[in-house]
Amino acid sequence: MDLTDRITLHSLRRFSLNKPAKKNLLMAQRIAGHKDPKTTLIYTEIDPDFIRAEHQETGVVRGIIQSKQAGKCTRLA
Protein backbone atom coordinates (compact mmCIF):
# COMPACT_ATOMS: atom_id res chain seq x y z
CA MET A 1 0.00 0.00 0.00
CA ASP A 2 1.63 3.26 -1.08
CA LEU A 3 0.89 6.80 0.01
CA THR A 4 -1.66 7.54 -2.71
CA ASP A 5 -3.76 4.59 -1.55
CA ARG A 6 -3.93 6.01 1.98
CA ILE A 7 -4.89 9.57 0.97
CA THR A 8 -8.65 10.02 0.78
CA LEU A 9 -10.90 13.05 0.56
CA HIS A 10 -11.75 12.53 4.21
CA SER A 11 -8.07 12.45 5.24
CA LEU A 12 -7.43 15.67 3.29
CA ARG A 13 -10.42 17.30 4.97
CA ARG A 14 -9.17 16.16 8.37
CA PHE A 15 -5.67 17.47 7.64
CA SER A 16 -6.90 20.85 6.41
CA LEU A 17 -9.22 21.40 9.41
CA ASN A 18 -6.75 20.32 12.07
CA LYS A 19 -4.53 23.43 12.09
CA PRO A 20 -7.26 26.11 12.10
CA ALA A 21 -9.26 24.14 14.68
CA LYS A 22 -6.31 24.29 17.08
CA LYS A 23 -6.23 28.08 16.91
CA ASN A 24 -9.88 28.96 16.34
CA LEU A 25 -12.51 26.24 16.64
CA LEU A 26 -15.35 28.52 15.51
CA MET A 27 -13.53 29.39 12.28
CA ALA A 28 -12.82 25.72 11.54
CA GLN A 29 -16.43 24.86 12.34
CA ARG A 30 -17.66 27.43 9.84
CA ILE A 31 -15.21 26.28 7.16
CA ALA A 32 -16.33 22.69 7.63
CA GLY A 33 -20.01 23.59 7.73
CA HIS A 34 -20.60 21.76 11.01
CA LYS A 35 -23.56 22.76 13.15
CA ASP A 36 -22.01 21.41 16.35
CA PRO A 37 -18.44 22.23 17.45
CA LYS A 38 -18.18 18.70 18.87
CA THR A 39 -18.13 17.43 15.29
CA THR A 40 -15.24 19.76 14.46
CA LEU A 41 -13.33 18.56 17.52
CA ILE A 42 -13.25 15.09 15.98
CA TYR A 43 -10.90 16.51 13.34
CA THR A 44 -8.57 18.11 15.85
CA GLU A 45 -5.56 16.26 17.18
CA ILE A 46 -3.91 18.34 19.87
CA ASP A 47 -0.43 17.11 20.65
CA PRO A 48 1.49 17.94 23.85
CA ASP A 49 4.03 20.11 21.98
CA PHE A 50 1.21 22.30 20.67
CA ILE A 51 -0.23 22.70 24.16
CA ARG A 52 3.20 23.63 25.57
CA ALA A 53 3.81 26.18 22.83
CA GLU A 54 0.39 27.80 23.29
CA HIS A 55 0.83 27.93 27.03
CA GLN A 56 4.26 29.55 26.60
CA GLU A 57 2.81 32.13 24.22
CA THR A 58 -0.31 33.03 26.18
CA GLY A 59 0.40 31.65 29.62
CA VAL A 60 -1.00 33.83 32.37
CA VAL A 61 1.25 32.18 34.93
CA ARG A 62 4.35 33.28 33.03
CA GLY A 63 3.17 36.89 33.11
CA ILE A 64 2.51 36.74 36.85
CA ILE A 65 5.91 35.22 37.54
CA GLN A 66 7.68 37.79 35.38
CA SER A 67 5.88 40.69 37.04
CA LYS A 68 6.71 39.33 40.50
CA GLN A 69 10.35 38.86 39.48
CA ALA A 70 10.45 42.40 38.10
CA GLY A 71 9.02 43.67 41.38
CA LYS A 72 11.70 41.87 43.36
CA CYS A 73 14.45 43.30 41.16
CA THR A 74 13.29 46.88 41.68
CA ARG A 75 12.98 46.41 45.42
CA LEU A 76 16.52 45.06 45.68
CA ALA A 77 18.02 47.93 43.74
PDB file of N, CA and C in Angstrom:
ATOM      1  N   MET A   1       0.840  -1.169   0.000  1.00  0.00           N
ATOM      2  CA  MET A   1       0.000   0.000   0.000  1.00  0.00           C
ATOM      3  C   MET A   1       0.896   1.248   0.000  1.00  0.00           C
ATOM      4  N   ASP A   2       0.814   2.042  -1.027  1.00  0.00           N
ATOM      5  CA  ASP A   2       1.628   3.258  -1.080  1.00  0.00           C
ATOM      6  C   ASP A   2       0.833   4.466  -0.572  1.00  0.00           C
ATOM      7  N   LEU A   3       1.480   5.600  -0.565  1.00  0.00           N
ATOM      8  CA  LEU A   3       0.890   6.801   0.014  1.00  0.00           C
ATOM      9  C   LEU A   3      -0.404   7.214  -0.678  1.00  0.00           C
ATOM     10  N   THR A   4      -0.465   7.103  -1.985  1.00  0.00           N
ATOM     11  CA  THR A   4      -1.662   7.538  -2.713  1.00  0.00           C
ATOM     12  C   THR A   4      -2.871   6.664  -2.379  1.00  0.00           C
ATOM     13  N   ASP A   5      -2.646   5.449  -1.952  1.00  0.00           N
ATOM     14  CA  ASP A   5      -3.762   4.592  -1.546  1.00  0.00           C
ATOM     15  C   ASP A   5      -4.317   5.000  -0.181  1.00  0.00           C
ATOM     16  N   ARG A   6      -3.499   5.617   0.632  1.00  0.00           N
ATOM     17  CA  ARG A   6      -3.927   6.011   1.978  1.00  0.00           C
ATOM     18  C   ARG A   6      -4.536   7.403   2.026  1.00  0.00           C
ATOM     19  N   ILE A   7      -4.328   8.215   0.993  1.00  0.00           N
ATOM     20  CA  ILE A   7      -4.890   9.568   0.968  1.00  0.00           C
ATOM     21  C   ILE A   7      -6.308   9.501   0.409  1.00  0.00           C
ATOM     22  N   THR A   8      -7.247   9.984   1.202  1.00  0.00           N
ATOM     23  CA  THR A   8      -8.648  10.023   0.780  1.00  0.00           C
ATOM     24  C   THR A   8      -9.150  11.457   0.918  1.00  0.00           C
ATOM     25  N   LEU A   9     -10.316  11.722   0.391  1.00  0.00           N
ATOM     26  CA  LEU A   9     -10.897  13.052   0.559  1.00  0.00           C
ATOM     27  C   LEU A   9     -11.125  13.350   2.041  1.00  0.00           C
ATOM     28  N   HIS A  10     -11.525  12.342   2.784  1.00  0.00           N
ATOM     29  CA  HIS A  10     -11.751  12.534   4.207  1.00  0.00           C
ATOM     30  C   HIS A  10     -10.441  12.849   4.935  1.00  0.00           C
ATOM     31  N   SER A  11      -9.353  12.173   4.579  1.00  0.00           N
ATOM     32  CA  SER A  11      -8.068  12.449   5.241  1.00  0.00           C
ATOM     33  C   SER A  11      -7.568  13.852   4.884  1.00  0.00           C
ATOM     34  N   LEU A  12      -7.806  14.308   3.670  1.00  0.00           N
ATOM     35  CA  LEU A  12      -7.434  15.668   3.285  1.00  0.00           C
ATOM     36  C   LEU A  12      -8.265  16.698   4.048  1.00  0.00           C
ATOM     37  N   ARG A  13      -9.537  16.409   4.205  1.00  0.00           N
ATOM     38  CA  ARG A  13     -10.418  17.299   4.971  1.00  0.00           C
ATOM     39  C   ARG A  13      -9.951  17.369   6.419  1.00  0.00           C
ATOM     40  N   ARG A  14      -9.644  16.223   6.985  1.00  0.00           N
ATOM     41  CA  ARG A  14      -9.172  16.164   8.374  1.00  0.00           C
ATOM     42  C   ARG A  14      -7.873  16.957   8.532  1.00  0.00           C
ATOM     43  N   PHE A  15      -6.956  16.771   7.600  1.00  0.00           N
ATOM     44  CA  PHE A  15      -5.670  17.471   7.644  1.00  0.00           C
ATOM     45  C   PHE A  15      -5.868  18.980   7.541  1.00  0.00           C
ATOM     46  N   SER A  16      -6.724  19.413   6.629  1.00  0.00           N
ATOM     47  CA  SER A  16      -6.899  20.849   6.411  1.00  0.00           C
ATOM     48  C   SER A  16      -7.671  21.531   7.540  1.00  0.00           C
ATOM     49  N   LEU A  17      -8.474  20.802   8.293  1.00  0.00           N
ATOM     50  CA  LEU A  17      -9.216  21.398   9.407  1.00  0.00           C
ATOM     51  C   LEU A  17      -8.436  21.366  10.719  1.00  0.00           C
ATOM     52  N   ASN A  18      -7.459  20.502  10.808  1.00  0.00           N
ATOM     53  CA  ASN A  18      -6.751  20.324  12.068  1.00  0.00           C
ATOM     54  C   ASN A  18      -6.046  21.603  12.533  1.00  0.00           C
ATOM     55  N   LYS A  19      -5.294  22.245  11.677  1.00  0.00           N
ATOM     56  CA  LYS A  19      -4.530  23.429  12.089  1.00  0.00           C
ATOM     57  C   LYS A  19      -5.433  24.601  12.489  1.00  0.00           C
ATOM     58  N   PRO A  20      -6.411  24.991  11.659  1.00  0.00           N
ATOM     59  CA  PRO A  20      -7.255  26.112  12.103  1.00  0.00           C
ATOM     60  C   PRO A  20      -8.086  25.767  13.345  1.00  0.00           C
ATOM     61  N   ALA A  21      -8.455  24.514  13.507  1.00  0.00           N
ATOM     62  CA  ALA A  21      -9.257  24.135  14.677  1.00  0.00           C
ATOM     63  C   ALA A  21      -8.460  24.278  15.961  1.00  0.00           C
ATOM     64  N   LYS A  22      -7.147  24.116  15.889  1.00  0.00           N
ATOM     65  CA  LYS A  22      -6.307  24.285  17.076  1.00  0.00           C
ATOM     66  C   LYS A  22      -6.286  25.743  17.527  1.00  0.00           C
ATOM     67  N   LYS A  23      -6.321  26.651  16.594  1.00  0.00           N
ATOM     68  CA  LYS A  23      -6.229  28.079  16.912  1.00  0.00           C
ATOM     69  C   LYS A  23      -7.604  28.721  17.114  1.00  0.00           C
ATOM     70  N   ASN A  24      -8.580  28.304  16.305  1.00  0.00           N
ATOM     71  CA  ASN A  24      -9.882  28.955  16.337  1.00  0.00           C
ATOM     72  C   ASN A  24     -10.941  27.933  15.922  1.00  0.00           C
ATOM     73  N   LEU A  25     -11.539  27.307  16.905  1.00  0.00           N
ATOM     74  CA  LEU A  25     -12.511  26.244  16.638  1.00  0.00           C
ATOM     75  C   LEU A  25     -13.717  26.760  15.866  1.00  0.00           C
ATOM     76  N   LEU A  26     -14.179  27.959  16.198  1.00  0.00           N
ATOM     77  CA  LEU A  26     -15.345  28.521  15.511  1.00  0.00           C
ATOM     78  C   LEU A  26     -15.071  28.712  14.022  1.00  0.00           C
ATOM     79  N   MET A  27     -13.882  29.208  13.690  1.00  0.00           N
ATOM     80  CA  MET A  27     -13.533  29.390  12.281  1.00  0.00           C
ATOM     81  C   MET A  27     -13.517  28.043  11.551  1.00  0.00           C
ATOM     82  N   ALA A  28     -12.877  27.041  12.156  1.00  0.00           N
ATOM     83  CA  ALA A  28     -12.820  25.717  11.535  1.00  0.00           C
ATOM     84  C   ALA A  28     -14.213  25.123  11.397  1.00  0.00           C
ATOM     85  N   GLN A  29     -15.051  25.352  12.394  1.00  0.00           N
ATOM     86  CA  GLN A  29     -16.431  24.860  12.344  1.00  0.00           C
ATOM     87  C   GLN A  29     -17.176  25.466  11.159  1.00  0.00           C
ATOM     88  N   ARG A  30     -16.990  26.759  10.965  1.00  0.00           N
ATOM     89  CA  ARG A  30     -17.664  27.435   9.843  1.00  0.00           C
ATOM     90  C   ARG A  30     -17.126  26.944   8.501  1.00  0.00           C
ATOM     91  N   ILE A  31     -15.809  26.770   8.399  1.00  0.00           N
ATOM     92  CA  ILE A  31     -15.210  26.279   7.156  1.00  0.00           C
ATOM     93  C   ILE A  31     -15.768  24.908   6.822  1.00  0.00           C
ATOM     94  N   ALA A  32     -15.873  24.059   7.844  1.00  0.00           N
ATOM     95  CA  ALA A  32     -16.330  22.687   7.633  1.00  0.00           C
ATOM     96  C   ALA A  32     -17.835  22.600   7.409  1.00  0.00           C
ATOM     97  N   GLY A  33     -18.563  23.619   7.863  1.00  0.00           N
ATOM     98  CA  GLY A  33     -20.014  23.591   7.733  1.00  0.00           C
ATOM     99  C   GLY A  33     -20.687  22.736   8.791  1.00  0.00           C
ATOM    100  N   HIS A  34     -20.024  22.547   9.919  1.00  0.00           N
ATOM    101  CA  HIS A  34     -20.600  21.763  11.006  1.00  0.00           C
ATOM    102  C   HIS A  34     -21.541  22.626  11.837  1.00  0.00           C
ATOM    103  N   LYS A  35     -22.638  22.043  12.270  1.00  0.00           N
ATOM    104  CA  LYS A  35     -23.563  22.756  13.154  1.00  0.00           C
ATOM    105  C   LYS A  35     -23.091  22.699  14.599  1.00  0.00           C
ATOM    106  N   ASP A  36     -22.437  21.625  14.967  1.00  0.00           N
ATOM    107  CA  ASP A  36     -22.014  21.414  16.346  1.00  0.00           C
ATOM    108  C   ASP A  36     -20.490  21.418  16.438  1.00  0.00           C
ATOM    109  N   PRO A  37     -19.908  22.204  17.328  1.00  0.00           N
ATOM    110  CA  PRO A  37     -18.444  22.230  17.451  1.00  0.00           C
ATOM    111  C   PRO A  37     -17.856  20.881  17.872  1.00  0.00           C
ATOM    112  N   LYS A  38     -18.665  20.035  18.491  1.00  0.00           N
ATOM    113  CA  LYS A  38     -18.178  18.699  18.869  1.00  0.00           C
ATOM    114  C   LYS A  38     -17.765  17.900  17.633  1.00  0.00           C
ATOM    115  N   THR A  39     -18.482  18.114  16.538  1.00  0.00           N
ATOM    116  CA  THR A  39     -18.130  17.432  15.290  1.00  0.00           C
ATOM    117  C   THR A  39     -16.767  17.912  14.796  1.00  0.00           C
ATOM    118  N   THR A  40     -16.520  19.198  14.893  1.00  0.00           N
ATOM    119  CA  THR A  40     -15.240  19.761  14.457  1.00  0.00           C
ATOM    120  C   THR A  40     -14.104  19.251  15.325  1.00  0.00           C
ATOM    121  N   LEU A  41     -14.362  19.067  16.612  1.00  0.00           N
ATOM    122  CA  LEU A  41     -13.329  18.562  17.522  1.00  0.00           C
ATOM    123  C   LEU A  41     -12.829  17.181  17.129  1.00  0.00           C
ATOM    124  N   ILE A  42     -13.659  16.417  16.448  1.00  0.00           N
ATOM    125  CA  ILE A  42     -13.248  15.094  15.975  1.00  0.00           C
ATOM    126  C   ILE A  42     -12.046  15.210  15.048  1.00  0.00           C
ATOM    127  N   TYR A  43     -11.977  16.308  14.303  1.00  0.00           N
ATOM    128  CA  TYR A  43     -10.904  16.512  13.335  1.00  0.00           C
ATOM    129  C   TYR A  43      -9.631  17.056  13.962  1.00  0.00           C
ATOM    130  N   THR A  44      -9.689  17.440  15.208  1.00  0.00           N
ATOM    131  CA  THR A  44      -8.568  18.106  15.855  1.00  0.00           C
ATOM    132  C   THR A  44      -7.759  17.137  16.690  1.00  0.00           C
ATOM    133  N   GLU A  45      -6.482  17.071  16.405  1.00  0.00           N
ATOM    134  CA  GLU A  45      -5.557  16.262  17.182  1.00  0.00           C
ATOM    135  C   GLU A  45      -4.584  17.220  17.864  1.00  0.00           C
ATOM    136  N   ILE A  46      -4.763  17.411  19.143  1.00  0.00           N
ATOM    137  CA  ILE A  46      -3.908  18.338  19.866  1.00  0.00           C
ATOM    138  C   ILE A  46      -2.791  17.560  20.546  1.00  0.00           C
ATOM    139  N   ASP A  47      -1.586  17.816  20.102  1.00  0.00           N
ATOM    140  CA  ASP A  47      -0.433  17.113  20.649  1.00  0.00           C
ATOM    141  C   ASP A  47       0.172  17.914  21.803  1.00  0.00           C
ATOM    142  N   PRO A  48       0.910  17.255  22.687  1.00  0.00           N
ATOM    143  CA  PRO A  48       1.493  17.938  23.847  1.00  0.00           C
ATOM    144  C   PRO A  48       2.415  19.110  23.487  1.00  0.00           C
ATOM    145  N   ASP A  49       3.156  19.003  22.389  1.00  0.00           N
ATOM    146  CA  ASP A  49       4.034  20.105  21.976  1.00  0.00           C
ATOM    147  C   ASP A  49       3.232  21.356  21.640  1.00  0.00           C
ATOM    148  N   PHE A  50       2.078  21.173  20.999  1.00  0.00           N
ATOM    149  CA  PHE A  50       1.214  22.305  20.666  1.00  0.00           C
ATOM    150  C   PHE A  50       0.705  22.967  21.944  1.00  0.00           C
ATOM    151  N   ILE A  51       0.280  22.168  22.904  1.00  0.00           N
ATOM    152  CA  ILE A  51      -0.226  22.702  24.163  1.00  0.00           C
ATOM    153  C   ILE A  51       0.868  23.486  24.880  1.00  0.00           C
ATOM    154  N   ARG A  52       2.081  22.933  24.929  1.00  0.00           N
ATOM    155  CA  ARG A  52       3.197  23.626  25.572  1.00  0.00           C
ATOM    156  C   ARG A  52       3.484  24.967  24.903  1.00  0.00           C
ATOM    157  N   ALA A  53       3.517  24.961  23.578  1.00  0.00           N
ATOM    158  CA  ALA A  53       3.811  26.184  22.826  1.00  0.00           C
ATOM    159  C   ALA A  53       2.739  27.247  23.063  1.00  0.00           C
ATOM    160  N   GLU A  54       1.478  26.841  23.055  1.00  0.00           N
ATOM    161  CA  GLU A  54       0.392  27.797  23.291  1.00  0.00           C
ATOM    162  C   GLU A  54       0.442  28.340  24.711  1.00  0.00           C
ATOM    163  N   HIS A  55       0.750  27.477  25.642  1.00  0.00           N
ATOM    164  CA  HIS A  55       0.834  27.929  27.031  1.00  0.00           C
ATOM    165  C   HIS A  55       1.992  28.912  27.199  1.00  0.00           C
ATOM    166  N   GLN A  56       3.108  28.634  26.542  1.00  0.00           N
ATOM    167  CA  GLN A  56       4.261  29.548  26.597  1.00  0.00           C
ATOM    168  C   GLN A  56       3.893  30.911  26.017  1.00  0.00           C
ATOM    169  N   GLU A  57       3.147  30.881  24.912  1.00  0.00           N
ATOM    170  CA  GLU A  57       2.808  32.127  24.216  1.00  0.00           C
ATOM    171  C   GLU A  57       1.782  32.956  24.978  1.00  0.00           C
ATOM    172  N   THR A  58       0.791  32.297  25.552  1.00  0.00           N
ATOM    173  CA  THR A  58      -0.309  33.030  26.176  1.00  0.00           C
ATOM    174  C   THR A  58      -0.440  32.769  27.661  1.00  0.00           C
ATOM    175  N   GLY A  59       0.511  32.070  28.235  1.00  0.00           N
ATOM    176  CA  GLY A  59       0.403  31.653  29.622  1.00  0.00           C
ATOM    177  C   GLY A  59       0.287  32.812  30.600  1.00  0.00           C
ATOM    178  N   VAL A  60      -0.761  32.809  31.355  1.00  0.00           N
ATOM    179  CA  VAL A  60      -0.997  33.827  32.370  1.00  0.00           C
ATOM    180  C   VAL A  60       0.017  33.664  33.496  1.00  0.00           C
ATOM    181  N   VAL A  61       0.317  32.439  33.836  1.00  0.00           N
ATOM    182  CA  VAL A  61       1.249  32.177  34.933  1.00  0.00           C
ATOM    183  C   VAL A  61       2.603  32.802  34.636  1.00  0.00           C
ATOM    184  N   ARG A  62       3.059  32.695  33.401  1.00  0.00           N
ATOM    185  CA  ARG A  62       4.348  33.281  33.033  1.00  0.00           C
ATOM    186  C   ARG A  62       4.351  34.785  33.286  1.00  0.00           C
ATOM    187  N   GLY A  63       3.268  35.459  32.908  1.00  0.00           N
ATOM    188  CA  GLY A  63       3.166  36.893  33.109  1.00  0.00           C
ATOM    189  C   GLY A  63       3.187  37.266  34.580  1.00  0.00           C
ATOM    190  N   ILE A  64       2.529  36.479  35.406  1.00  0.00           N
ATOM    191  CA  ILE A  64       2.510  36.738  36.847  1.00  0.00           C
ATOM    192  C   ILE A  64       3.901  36.560  37.426  1.00  0.00           C
ATOM    193  N   ILE A  65       4.559  35.478  37.035  1.00  0.00           N
ATOM    194  CA  ILE A  65       5.908  35.216  37.539  1.00  0.00           C
ATOM    195  C   ILE A  65       6.869  36.318  37.113  1.00  0.00           C
ATOM    196  N   GLN A  66       6.792  36.740  35.857  1.00  0.00           N
ATOM    197  CA  GLN A  66       7.679  37.795  35.375  1.00  0.00           C
ATOM    198  C   GLN A  66       7.435  39.104  36.109  1.00  0.00           C
ATOM    199  N   SER A  67       6.170  39.427  36.348  1.00  0.00           N
ATOM    200  CA  SER A  67       5.885  40.689  37.041  1.00  0.00           C
ATOM    201  C   SER A  67       6.349  40.623  38.491  1.00  0.00           C
ATOM    202  N   LYS A  68       6.224  39.467  39.126  1.00  0.00           N
ATOM    203  CA  LYS A  68       6.713  39.331  40.503  1.00  0.00           C
ATOM    204  C   LYS A  68       8.231  39.416  40.537  1.00  0.00           C
ATOM    205  N   GLN A  69       8.904  38.795  39.548  1.00  0.00           N
ATOM    206  CA  GLN A  69      10.346  38.861  39.477  1.00  0.00           C
ATOM    207  C   GLN A  69      10.812  40.287  39.229  1.00  0.00           C
ATOM    208  N   ALA A  70      10.105  41.005  38.380  1.00  0.00           N
ATOM    209  CA  ALA A  70      10.446  42.398  38.096  1.00  0.00           C
ATOM    210  C   ALA A  70      10.273  43.240  39.350  1.00  0.00           C
ATOM    211  N   GLY A  71       9.242  42.957  40.131  1.00  0.00           N
ATOM    212  CA  GLY A  71       9.015  43.673  41.383  1.00  0.00           C
ATOM    213  C   GLY A  71      10.124  43.418  42.376  1.00  0.00           C
ATOM    214  N   LYS A  72      10.613  42.201  42.442  1.00  0.00           N
ATOM    215  CA  LYS A  72      11.698  41.867  43.360  1.00  0.00           C
ATOM    216  C   LYS A  72      12.993  42.572  42.946  1.00  0.00           C
ATOM    217  N   CYS A  73      13.219  42.651  41.656  1.00  0.00           N
ATOM    218  CA  CYS A  73      14.447  43.299  41.165  1.00  0.00           C
ATOM    219  C   CYS A  73      14.457  44.778  41.521  1.00  0.00           C
ATOM    220  N   THR A  74      13.321  45.445  41.389  1.00  0.00           N
ATOM    221  CA  THR A  74      13.288  46.876  41.678  1.00  0.00           C
ATOM    222  C   THR A  74      13.400  47.129  43.173  1.00  0.00           C
ATOM    223  N   ARG A  75      12.895  46.222  43.976  1.00  0.00           N
ATOM    224  CA  ARG A  75      12.982  46.407  45.423  1.00  0.00           C
ATOM    225  C   ARG A  75      14.420  46.217  45.919  1.00  0.00           C
ATOM    226  N   LEU A  76      15.158  45.316  45.272  1.00  0.00           N
ATOM    227  CA  LEU A  76      16.521  45.058  45.679  1.00  0.00           C
ATOM    228  C   LEU A  76      17.457  46.191  45.290  1.00  0.00           C
ATOM    229  N   ALA A  77      17.124  46.888  44.251  1.00  0.00           N
ATOM    230  CA  ALA A  77      18.021  47.929  43.741  1.00  0.00           C
ATOM    231  C   ALA A  77      18.021  49.176  44.578  1.00  0.00           C
TER     232      ALA A  77
END
